[in-house]
Structure formats: structure tokens, C-alpha cells
Protein backbone atom coordinates (compact mmCIF):
# COMPACT_ATOMS: atom_id res chain seq x y z
CA MET A 1 6.47 -37.73 -60.01
CA SER A 2 3.79 -36.37 -61.87
CA ILE A 3 0.56 -36.08 -59.22
CA PRO A 4 -2.13 -37.13 -61.19
CA THR A 5 -5.42 -36.65 -62.44
CA PRO A 6 -9.28 -37.49 -60.68
CA GLN A 7 -9.43 -39.12 -63.86
CA ALA A 8 -6.48 -41.58 -64.04
CA MET A 9 -7.64 -42.34 -60.04
CA GLN A 10 -11.19 -43.87 -61.37
CA LYS A 11 -9.45 -46.01 -64.08
CA ILE A 12 -7.26 -46.95 -60.98
CA ASN A 13 -10.63 -47.26 -59.19
CA ARG A 14 -12.54 -49.48 -61.45
CA ARG A 15 -9.78 -51.30 -62.71
CA LEU A 16 -8.69 -52.27 -58.45
CA ASP A 17 -12.07 -53.10 -58.03
CA ARG A 18 -13.53 -55.55 -61.35
CA GLU A 19 -9.61 -57.37 -60.43
CA ARG A 20 -11.55 -57.00 -56.01
CA ARG A 21 -14.32 -58.98 -57.63
CA GLN A 22 -12.69 -61.40 -60.53
CA ALA A 23 -11.43 -62.77 -56.71
CA GLU A 24 -14.44 -62.28 -54.41
CA ARG A 25 -16.27 -64.49 -57.55
CA ALA A 26 -12.62 -67.40 -57.77
CA LEU A 27 -13.02 -67.49 -53.87
CA ALA A 28 -16.65 -68.26 -53.65
CA ALA A 29 -16.27 -70.83 -56.51
CA MET A 30 -13.07 -72.27 -54.95
CA ARG A 31 -14.57 -72.21 -51.89
CA ALA A 32 -18.70 -73.84 -52.64
CA ARG A 33 -17.82 -76.35 -55.45
CA GLY A 34 -14.21 -77.38 -54.89
CA VAL A 35 -12.95 -75.48 -57.46
CA THR A 36 -8.95 -75.71 -58.19
CA LEU A 37 -6.39 -72.49 -59.14
CA GLN A 38 -3.69 -74.29 -61.48
CA HIS A 39 -1.11 -72.55 -62.75
CA LEU A 40 -0.46 -73.03 -66.08
CA GLY A 41 3.36 -71.74 -66.94
CA HIS A 42 3.83 -69.76 -69.79
CA ASP A 43 -0.32 -69.61 -70.08
CA GLY A 44 -0.75 -67.93 -67.19
CA TRP A 45 -4.10 -69.40 -64.46
CA ARG A 46 -7.24 -70.67 -64.56
CA LEU A 47 -10.03 -72.20 -62.57
CA SER A 48 -9.97 -76.10 -62.82
CA ASN A 49 -13.78 -75.04 -64.31
CA GLY A 50 -11.93 -73.93 -67.41
CA GLN A 51 -12.66 -69.60 -66.66
CA HIS A 52 -9.17 -67.90 -67.06
CA ILE A 53 -7.81 -66.06 -64.68
CA SER A 54 -5.52 -62.93 -64.33
CA SER A 55 -1.69 -63.33 -63.26
CA THR A 56 -3.11 -60.67 -60.68
CA VAL A 57 -6.07 -62.26 -60.09
CA ALA A 58 -4.20 -65.41 -59.05
CA HIS A 59 -1.71 -63.03 -56.71
CA ILE A 60 -4.29 -61.99 -54.78
CA LEU A 61 -5.98 -65.70 -54.34
CA THR A 62 -2.43 -67.22 -53.40
CA PHE A 63 -2.61 -64.93 -51.07
CA ASP A 64 -5.68 -65.95 -49.41
CA ARG A 65 -4.80 -67.55 -45.49
CA ASN A 66 -7.01 -70.30 -46.80
CA VAL A 67 -5.76 -71.22 -50.00
CA VAL A 68 -2.83 -73.94 -49.62
CA ALA A 69 -1.10 -74.67 -52.34
CA CYS A 70 -0.71 -79.04 -52.97
CA GLY A 71 3.26 -79.48 -53.44
CA ASP A 72 2.91 -79.95 -56.80
CA SER A 73 6.08 -78.26 -58.51
CA LEU A 74 8.26 -79.63 -60.93
CA PHE A 75 11.50 -78.57 -59.63
CA GLY A 76 11.90 -78.81 -55.89
CA PRO A 77 10.30 -75.56 -53.39
CA GLU A 78 9.19 -73.21 -56.66
CA LEU A 79 5.51 -72.29 -56.89
CA SER A 80 3.60 -74.72 -56.72
CA ARG A 81 0.84 -75.54 -59.80
CA THR A 82 -1.97 -76.10 -58.32
CA TRP A 83 -4.07 -74.37 -55.64
CA ARG A 84 -6.75 -75.42 -53.48
CA TRP A 85 -9.15 -74.37 -50.86
CA VAL A 86 -8.90 -76.05 -46.27
CA ASP A 87 -11.99 -75.04 -44.43
CA PRO A 88 -9.88 -72.97 -41.61
CA GLU A 89 -10.35 -75.20 -38.79
């Protein structure tokens, strides 16, 4: 196992920062405008406003405690196809 170079670490950190910013923007849209996160199967993920989301960012969003599944899975207790923001009250 090799030790990452400073350039490799910078590249990794830029990618992580970009994904974090995308997740924050998506959460803000879900919170403010009622946008939902939709799983499209093999086509990936998108927000209901049409913005495509990477699977990594979608994974971040589904682990937020205020983002809940709507329970519309196709085959029993599998992954839900739609996720939405719920206020923590």
C-alpha cells in the first residue's frame, strides 16, 4: 500500500468538497421547495426539479435524518424510489 502524494490528496479533497456542496444544495432545495429525491433504477438518481444526482450524493442524502423514504418500493421491503424532506418536529 502506497502513501498518497499531496497532489492525490488534494484531488480527493476537491472531489469530497464538491460532493458535500452538491448534497447541501440538494438538501436546501428539498427543505425549502419540497423537491423530492427519486431513484430511477439503472438510470441513477435525480431531484424532482430535474437535476441529476450522483449515487454518492444520493447516498449522503438518504442518510440525513430528515430525509425519509416514501415507501413506494416495487418489490416489498427494498429501497424506496422516492425520498422527501420531513421537518424535525
